[in-house]
Amino acid sequence: MAVPPARVALISPHDVVVAGLTSLLDRHRSRVELVRSEAVEADPDVVLYDVAGLAGGDRTVFDRLVNHSTSVVIAMGRDHRPDLLNDALAQGADGCLLLSIREEELLAALDAATTRRRLGGTGAGSVMCACPSARRAPRLGISAGLNDRESDTLSLIARGLSNEDIADRHRLSVNTVKTNVRSAYAKIGVHSRSQAVLWIMRHGFDTADSRESGRHRHS
């Protein structure tokens, strides 16, 4: 039997964000059914909430979503406003994504969130946190035996970075990054980037960079 597509609502104060995400997700109607933002009362599977909406001070919609809805609420934001992502997570969002995420990673996140909700009924619990500046929970990758570099590499993959991007970020060779990727994949039992992203969605953890910045803030 075919799996019903994820029912997804988009909420953003910016028309361009809604238009962009709508255009992207409309190409995948077998996996995603977009519902009007006004239909959040019907509790869609997932709500993609642009945290720019929190900047204006009106939290009515967000508070209803996290406190009186069974939908999985994923906060979406920008690199330069980690404070808003942190705020959304602290107030009960189930996970976070950057608006710069790549198409397939976004689809994988929606698939994982929808599966989690449908299997768990009400309250999907923690879904993911693929935002390097947003701190949410201890690094769960420890249970899989991941070291800091492997954990950070997986988190950057979830953000949509290529091996070349990761190499540039950490001033490593591409071959070293590939070695870290292969090692991480072996430890978590996956064989592709999309499978790795799904694993991260289900076992969300902070990046090594965010842990390091947290140590600096408290030192």
C-alpha atoms as a PDB file:
ATOM      1  CA  MET A   1       0.000   0.000   0.000  1.00  0.00           C
ATOM      2  CA  ALA A   2       1.330   3.429  -0.942  1.00  0.00           C
ATOM      3  CA  VAL A   3       2.466   5.651   1.922  1.00  0.00           C
ATOM      4  CA  PRO A   4       0.376   8.842   2.107  1.00  0.00           C
ATOM      5  CA  PRO A   5       2.415  11.995   1.509  1.00  0.00           C
ATOM      6  CA  ALA A   6       3.447  14.125   4.454  1.00  0.00           C
ATOM      7  CA  ARG A   7       0.935  16.892   5.148  1.00  0.00           C
ATOM      8  CA  VAL A   8       3.029  20.024   5.583  1.00  0.00           C
ATOM      9  CA  ALA A   9       2.106  23.601   6.476  1.00  0.00           C
ATOM     10  CA  LEU A  10       4.411  26.569   5.883  1.00  0.00           C
ATOM     11  CA  ILE A  11       4.334  29.572   8.188  1.00  0.00           C
ATOM     12  CA  SER A  12       6.467  32.641   7.522  1.00  0.00           C
ATOM     13  CA  PRO A  13       5.978  36.405   7.685  1.00  0.00           C
ATOM     14  CA  HIS A  14       7.889  36.649   4.405  1.00  0.00           C
ATOM     15  CA  ASP A  15       6.018  35.858   1.191  1.00  0.00           C
ATOM     16  CA  VAL A  16       9.264  35.093  -0.624  1.00  0.00           C
ATOM     17  CA  VAL A  17      10.085  32.301   1.849  1.00  0.00           C
ATOM     18  CA  VAL A  18       6.645  30.738   1.468  1.00  0.00           C
ATOM     19  CA  ALA A  19       6.825  31.061  -2.324  1.00  0.00           C
ATOM     20  CA  GLY A  20      10.281  29.497  -2.473  1.00  0.00           C
ATOM     21  CA  LEU A  21       9.436  26.531  -0.254  1.00  0.00           C
ATOM     22  CA  THR A  22       6.110  26.037  -2.030  1.00  0.00           C
ATOM     23  CA  SER A  23       7.826  25.965  -5.421  1.00  0.00           C
ATOM     24  CA  LEU A  24      10.376  23.446  -4.151  1.00  0.00           C
ATOM     25  CA  LEU A  25       7.942  21.111  -2.396  1.00  0.00           C
ATOM     26  CA  ASP A  26       5.350  21.247  -5.179  1.00  0.00           C
ATOM     27  CA  ARG A  27       7.806  19.273  -7.296  1.00  0.00           C
ATOM     28  CA  HIS A  28       7.430  16.320  -4.922  1.00  0.00           C
ATOM     29  CA  ARG A  29       3.694  15.839  -4.550  1.00  0.00           C
ATOM     30  CA  SER A  30       4.065  12.093  -4.103  1.00  0.00           C
ATOM     31  CA  ARG A  31       5.971  12.816  -0.878  1.00  0.00           C
ATOM     32  CA  VAL A  32       4.537  16.135   0.297  1.00  0.00           C
ATOM     33  CA  GLU A  33       1.022  17.549   0.396  1.00  0.00           C
ATOM     34  CA  LEU A  34       1.069  21.247   1.184  1.00  0.00           C
ATOM     35  CA  VAL A  35      -1.764  22.556   3.331  1.00  0.00           C
ATOM     36  CA  ARG A  36      -2.656  26.188   3.813  1.00  0.00           C
ATOM     37  CA  SER A  37      -1.143  27.844   6.858  1.00  0.00           C
ATOM     38  CA  GLU A  38      -4.675  28.609   8.038  1.00  0.00           C
ATOM     39  CA  ALA A  39      -5.236  24.840   8.226  1.00  0.00           C
ATOM     40  CA  VAL A  40      -2.814  24.324  11.121  1.00  0.00           C
ATOM     41  CA  GLU A  41      -5.889  23.910  13.296  1.00  0.00           C
ATOM     42  CA  ALA A  42      -6.250  20.512  11.608  1.00  0.00           C
ATOM     43  CA  ASP A  43      -2.801  19.471  12.884  1.00  0.00           C
ATOM     44  CA  PRO A  44      -0.836  18.598   9.732  1.00  0.00           C
ATOM     45  CA  ASP A  45       2.027  16.126  10.086  1.00  0.00           C
ATOM     46  CA  VAL A  46       4.682  18.836  10.003  1.00  0.00           C
ATOM     47  CA  VAL A  47       4.736  22.600  10.342  1.00  0.00           C
ATOM     48  CA  LEU A  48       7.762  24.424   8.933  1.00  0.00           C
ATOM     49  CA  TYR A  49       7.870  27.586  11.024  1.00  0.00           C
ATOM     50  CA  ASP A  50      10.073  30.502   9.976  1.00  0.00           C
ATOM     51  CA  VAL A  51      11.531  31.864  13.221  1.00  0.00           C
ATOM     52  CA  ALA A  52      11.510  35.360  11.723  1.00  0.00           C
ATOM     53  CA  GLY A  53       7.940  35.322  13.003  1.00  0.00           C
ATOM     54  CA  LEU A  54       9.285  35.400  16.562  1.00  0.00           C
ATOM     55  CA  ALA A  55      11.237  38.593  15.928  1.00  0.00           C
ATOM     56  CA  GLY A  56       8.053  40.656  15.792  1.00  0.00           C
ATOM     57  CA  GLY A  57       7.042  39.639  19.295  1.00  0.00           C
ATOM     58  CA  ASP A  58       3.697  37.996  18.420  1.00  0.00           C
ATOM     59  CA  ARG A  59       4.049  34.390  19.596  1.00  0.00           C
ATOM     60  CA  THR A  60       0.378  33.437  19.484  1.00  0.00           C
ATOM     61  CA  VAL A  61       0.636  31.062  16.518  1.00  0.00           C
ATOM     62  CA  PHE A  62       3.929  29.539  17.639  1.00  0.00           C
ATOM     63  CA  ASP A  63       2.691  28.984  21.192  1.00  0.00           C
ATOM     64  CA  ARG A  64      -0.427  27.228  19.906  1.00  0.00           C
ATOM     65  CA  LEU A  65       1.651  24.984  17.664  1.00  0.00           C
ATOM     66  CA  VAL A  66       4.049  23.805  20.358  1.00  0.00           C
ATOM     67  CA  ASN A  67       1.562  23.632  23.224  1.00  0.00           C
ATOM     68  CA  HIS A  68      -1.765  22.629  21.687  1.00  0.00           C
ATOM     69  CA  SER A  69      -0.933  20.707  18.522  1.00  0.00           C
ATOM     70  CA  THR A  70       0.195  17.193  17.665  1.00  0.00           C
ATOM     71  CA  SER A  71       2.096  18.429  14.604  1.00  0.00           C
ATOM     72  CA  VAL A  72       5.864  18.163  14.467  1.00  0.00           C
ATOM     73  CA  VAL A  73       7.095  21.754  14.562  1.00  0.00           C
ATOM     74  CA  ILE A  74      10.392  22.362  12.776  1.00  0.00           C
ATOM     75  CA  ALA A  75      11.863  25.822  13.210  1.00  0.00           C
ATOM     76  CA  MET A  76      13.561  27.196  10.109  1.00  0.00           C
ATOM     77  CA  GLY A  77      15.984  30.073  10.257  1.00  0.00           C
ATOM     78  CA  ARG A  78      19.110  31.758   9.055  1.00  0.00           C
ATOM     79  CA  ASP A  79      22.771  31.485  10.030  1.00  0.00           C
ATOM     80  CA  HIS A  80      22.913  35.085  11.241  1.00  0.00           C
ATOM     81  CA  ARG A  81      20.010  34.700  13.707  1.00  0.00           C
ATOM     82  CA  PRO A  82      20.866  31.676  15.878  1.00  0.00           C
ATOM     83  CA  ASP A  83      19.198  33.482  18.792  1.00  0.00           C
ATOM     84  CA  LEU A  84      15.786  32.991  17.179  1.00  0.00           C
ATOM     85  CA  LEU A  85      16.465  29.302  16.535  1.00  0.00           C
ATOM     86  CA  ASN A  86      17.615  28.850  20.133  1.00  0.00           C
ATOM     87  CA  ASP A  87      14.481  30.626  21.321  1.00  0.00           C
ATOM     88  CA  ALA A  88      12.221  28.376  19.239  1.00  0.00           C
ATOM     89  CA  LEU A  89      13.924  25.229  20.532  1.00  0.00           C
ATOM     90  CA  ALA A  90      13.751  26.444  24.120  1.00  0.00           C
ATOM     91  CA  GLN A  91      10.033  27.113  23.718  1.00  0.00           C
ATOM     92  CA  GLY A  92       9.274  23.614  22.448  1.00  0.00           C
ATOM     93  CA  ALA A  93      10.017  23.287  18.720  1.00  0.00           C
ATOM     94  CA  ASP A  94      10.780  19.673  17.783  1.00  0.00           C
ATOM     95  CA  GLY A  95      13.812  20.515  15.686  1.00  0.00           C
ATOM     96  CA  CYS A  96      15.458  23.098  13.498  1.00  0.00           C
ATOM     97  CA  LEU A  97      16.747  23.516   9.969  1.00  0.00           C
ATOM     98  CA  LEU A  98      18.521  26.271   8.112  1.00  0.00           C
ATOM     99  CA  LEU A  99      16.676  27.807   5.182  1.00  0.00           C
ATOM    100  CA  SER A 100      19.812  27.114   3.137  1.00  0.00           C
ATOM    101  CA  ILE A 101      19.293  23.344   3.471  1.00  0.00           C
ATOM    102  CA  ARG A 102      19.465  21.377   0.239  1.00  0.00           C
ATOM    103  CA  GLU A 103      16.333  20.011  -1.368  1.00  0.00           C
ATOM    104  CA  GLU A 104      16.898  16.299  -0.710  1.00  0.00           C
ATOM    105  CA  GLU A 105      17.911  16.930   2.901  1.00  0.00           C
ATOM    106  CA  LEU A 106      14.703  18.906   3.470  1.00  0.00           C
ATOM    107  CA  LEU A 107      12.632  16.095   1.976  1.00  0.00           C
ATOM    108  CA  ALA A 108      14.460  13.558   4.140  1.00  0.00           C
ATOM    109  CA  ALA A 109      13.729  15.671   7.220  1.00  0.00           C
ATOM    110  CA  LEU A 110      10.032  15.837   6.359  1.00  0.00           C
ATOM    111  CA  ASP A 111       9.928  12.072   5.742  1.00  0.00           C
ATOM    112  CA  ALA A 112      11.595  11.369   9.089  1.00  0.00           C
ATOM    113  CA  ALA A 113       9.403  13.800  11.019  1.00  0.00           C
ATOM    114  CA  THR A 114       6.223  12.417   9.469  1.00  0.00           C
ATOM    115  CA  THR A 115       7.224   8.816  10.145  1.00  0.00           C
ATOM    116  CA  ARG A 116       8.045   9.693  13.749  1.00  0.00           C
ATOM    117  CA  ARG A 117       4.667  11.365  14.260  1.00  0.00           C
ATOM    118  CA  ARG A 118       2.638   8.611  12.622  1.00  0.00           C
ATOM    119  CA  LEU A 119       4.404   5.879  14.550  1.00  0.00           C
ATOM    120  CA  GLY A 120       4.303   7.728  17.841  1.00  0.00           C
ATOM    121  CA  GLY A 121       0.830   9.206  17.643  1.00  0.00           C
ATOM    122  CA  THR A 122       0.599  12.441  19.586  1.00  0.00           C
ATOM    123  CA  GLY A 123       3.881  14.047  20.487  1.00  0.00           C
ATOM    124  CA  ALA A 124       6.633  13.095  18.110  1.00  0.00           C
ATOM    125  CA  GLY A 125       9.356  14.070  20.532  1.00  0.00           C
ATOM    126  CA  SER A 126      12.752  15.371  19.497  1.00  0.00           C
ATOM    127  CA  VAL A 127      13.147  15.159  15.739  1.00  0.00           C
ATOM    128  CA  MET A 128      16.376  16.845  14.801  1.00  0.00           C
ATOM    129  CA  CYS A 129      18.658  19.783  15.223  1.00  0.00           C
ATOM    130  CA  ALA A 130      20.793  20.409  12.166  1.00  0.00           C
ATOM    131  CA  CYS A 131      21.604  24.032  12.997  1.00  0.00           C
ATOM    132  CA  PRO A 132      25.221  24.462  14.081  1.00  0.00           C
ATOM    133  CA  SER A 133      24.562  27.507  16.268  1.00  0.00           C
ATOM    134  CA  ALA A 134      21.435  26.191  17.980  1.00  0.00           C
ATOM    135  CA  ARG A 135      22.058  24.214  21.140  1.00  0.00           C
ATOM    136  CA  ARG A 136      19.458  21.699  22.099  1.00  0.00           C
ATOM    137  CA  ALA A 137      20.602  18.432  23.638  1.00  0.00           C
ATOM    138  CA  PRO A 138      23.771  16.492  24.493  1.00  0.00           C
ATOM    139  CA  ARG A 139      25.472  14.850  21.552  1.00  0.00           C
ATOM    140  CA  LEU A 140      23.651  11.560  21.113  1.00  0.00           C
ATOM    141  CA  GLY A 141      26.249  10.391  18.621  1.00  0.00           C
ATOM    142  CA  ILE A 142      28.283   9.209  21.604  1.00  0.00           C
ATOM    143  CA  SER A 143      26.025   6.159  21.889  1.00  0.00           C
ATOM    144  CA  ALA A 144      27.031   5.153  18.350  1.00  0.00           C
ATOM    145  CA  GLY A 145      30.719   5.535  19.152  1.00  0.00           C
ATOM    146  CA  LEU A 146      31.185   8.673  17.056  1.00  0.00           C
ATOM    147  CA  ASN A 147      34.122  10.888  17.912  1.00  0.00           C
ATOM    148  CA  ASP A 148      33.837  14.688  17.760  1.00  0.00           C
ATOM    149  CA  ARG A 149      35.119  14.936  14.180  1.00  0.00           C
ATOM    150  CA  GLU A 150      32.736  12.248  12.902  1.00  0.00           C
ATOM    151  CA  SER A 151      29.828  13.828  14.770  1.00  0.00           C
ATOM    152  CA  ASP A 152      30.626  17.256  13.370  1.00  0.00           C
ATOM    153  CA  THR A 153      31.036  15.854   9.858  1.00  0.00           C
ATOM    154  CA  LEU A 154      27.578  14.262   9.991  1.00  0.00           C
ATOM    155  CA  SER A 155      26.040  17.477  11.285  1.00  0.00           C
ATOM    156  CA  LEU A 156      27.572  19.438   8.423  1.00  0.00           C
ATOM    157  CA  ILE A 157      26.289  16.858   5.951  1.00  0.00           C
ATOM    158  CA  ALA A 158      22.804  17.426   7.404  1.00  0.00           C
ATOM    159  CA  ARG A 159      23.245  21.138   6.712  1.00  0.00           C
ATOM    160  CA  GLY A 160      23.844  20.296   3.064  1.00  0.00           C
ATOM    161  CA  LEU A 161      27.616  20.794   2.928  1.00  0.00           C
ATOM    162  CA  SER A 162      29.588  18.769   0.403  1.00  0.00           C
ATOM    163  CA  ASN A 163      32.846  16.980   1.233  1.00  0.00           C
ATOM    164  CA  GLU A 164      34.681  19.876  -0.395  1.00  0.00           C
ATOM    165  CA  ASP A 165      32.773  22.405   1.742  1.00  0.00           C
ATOM    166  CA  ILE A 166      33.598  20.474   4.915  1.00  0.00           C
ATOM    167  CA  ALA A 167      37.257  20.254   3.903  1.00  0.00           C
ATOM    168  CA  ASP A 168      37.397  24.027   3.372  1.00  0.00           C
ATOM    169  CA  ARG A 169      35.640  24.704   6.669  1.00  0.00           C
ATOM    170  CA  HIS A 170      38.094  22.642   8.713  1.00  0.00           C
ATOM    171  CA  ARG A 171      41.159  23.100   6.492  1.00  0.00           C
ATOM    172  CA  LEU A 172      41.387  19.386   5.823  1.00  0.00           C
ATOM    173  CA  SER A 173      42.036  17.457   2.646  1.00  0.00           C
ATOM    174  CA  VAL A 174      39.008  16.070   0.836  1.00  0.00           C
ATOM    175  CA  ASN A 175      40.433  12.573   1.307  1.00  0.00           C
ATOM    176  CA  THR A 176      40.534  13.095   5.082  1.00  0.00           C
ATOM    177  CA  VAL A 177      36.899  14.195   5.038  1.00  0.00           C
ATOM    178  CA  LYS A 178      35.974  11.141   2.969  1.00  0.00           C
ATOM    179  CA  THR A 179      37.703   8.944   5.546  1.00  0.00           C
ATOM    180  CA  ASN A 180      35.713  10.613   8.350  1.00  0.00           C
ATOM    181  CA  VAL A 181      32.491  10.154   6.383  1.00  0.00           C
ATOM    182  CA  ARG A 182      33.154   6.455   5.730  1.00  0.00           C
ATOM    183  CA  SER A 183      34.029   5.880   9.379  1.00  0.00           C
ATOM    184  CA  ALA A 184      30.896   7.676  10.593  1.00  0.00           C
ATOM    185  CA  TYR A 185      28.679   5.810   8.122  1.00  0.00           C
ATOM    186  CA  ALA A 186      30.082   2.472   9.292  1.00  0.00           C
ATOM    187  CA  LYS A 187      29.400   3.302  12.948  1.00  0.00           C
ATOM    188  CA  ILE A 188      25.781   4.356  12.400  1.00  0.00           C
ATOM    189  CA  GLY A 189      25.059   1.671   9.802  1.00  0.00           C
ATOM    190  CA  VAL A 190      24.239   3.773   6.732  1.00  0.00           C
ATOM    191  CA  HIS A 191      25.562   3.819   3.183  1.00  0.00           C
ATOM    192  CA  SER A 192      24.514   7.161   1.690  1.00  0.00           C
ATOM    193  CA  ARG A 193      24.116  10.842   2.477  1.00  0.00           C
ATOM    194  CA  SER A 194      20.320  10.652   2.495  1.00  0.00           C
ATOM    195  CA  GLN A 195      20.411   7.713   4.933  1.00  0.00           C
ATOM    196  CA  ALA A 196      22.842   9.653   7.136  1.00  0.00           C
ATOM    197  CA  VAL A 197      20.521  12.661   7.184  1.00  0.00           C
ATOM    198  CA  LEU A 198      17.606  10.449   8.203  1.00  0.00           C
ATOM    199  CA  TRP A 199      19.722   9.006  11.018  1.00  0.00           C
ATOM    200  CA  ILE A 200      20.539  12.523  12.224  1.00  0.00           C
ATOM    201  CA  MET A 201      16.870  13.519  12.083  1.00  0.00           C
ATOM    202  CA  ARG A 202      16.052  10.616  14.392  1.00  0.00           C
ATOM    203  CA  HIS A 203      19.029  11.019  16.732  1.00  0.00           C
ATOM    204  CA  GLY A 204      19.569  14.804  16.662  1.00  0.00           C
ATOM    205  CA  PHE A 205      22.818  16.000  18.202  1.00  0.00           C
ATOM    206  CA  ASP A 206      24.882  19.169  18.510  1.00  0.00           C
ATOM    207  CA  THR A 207      27.948  19.741  16.376  1.00  0.00           C
ATOM    208  CA  ALA A 208      31.418  19.841  17.854  1.00  0.00           C
ATOM    209  CA  ASP A 209      31.558  23.533  16.915  1.00  0.00           C
ATOM    210  CA  SER A 210      28.460  24.369  18.960  1.00  0.00           C
ATOM    211  CA  ARG A 211      29.809  22.453  21.957  1.00  0.00           C
ATOM    212  CA  GLU A 212      33.091  24.318  21.662  1.00  0.00           C
ATOM    213  CA  SER A 213      31.335  27.695  21.452  1.00  0.00           C
ATOM    214  CA  GLY A 214      29.285  26.723  24.484  1.00  0.00           C
ATOM    215  CA  ARG A 215      32.462  26.020  26.453  1.00  0.00           C
ATOM    216  CA  HIS A 216      33.839  29.427  25.486  1.00  0.00           C
ATOM    217  CA  ARG A 217      30.628  31.156  26.583  1.00  0.00           C
ATOM    218  CA  HIS A 218      30.788  29.510  29.997  1.00  0.00           C
ATOM    219  CA  SER A 219      34.529  29.841  30.544  1.00  0.00           C
END
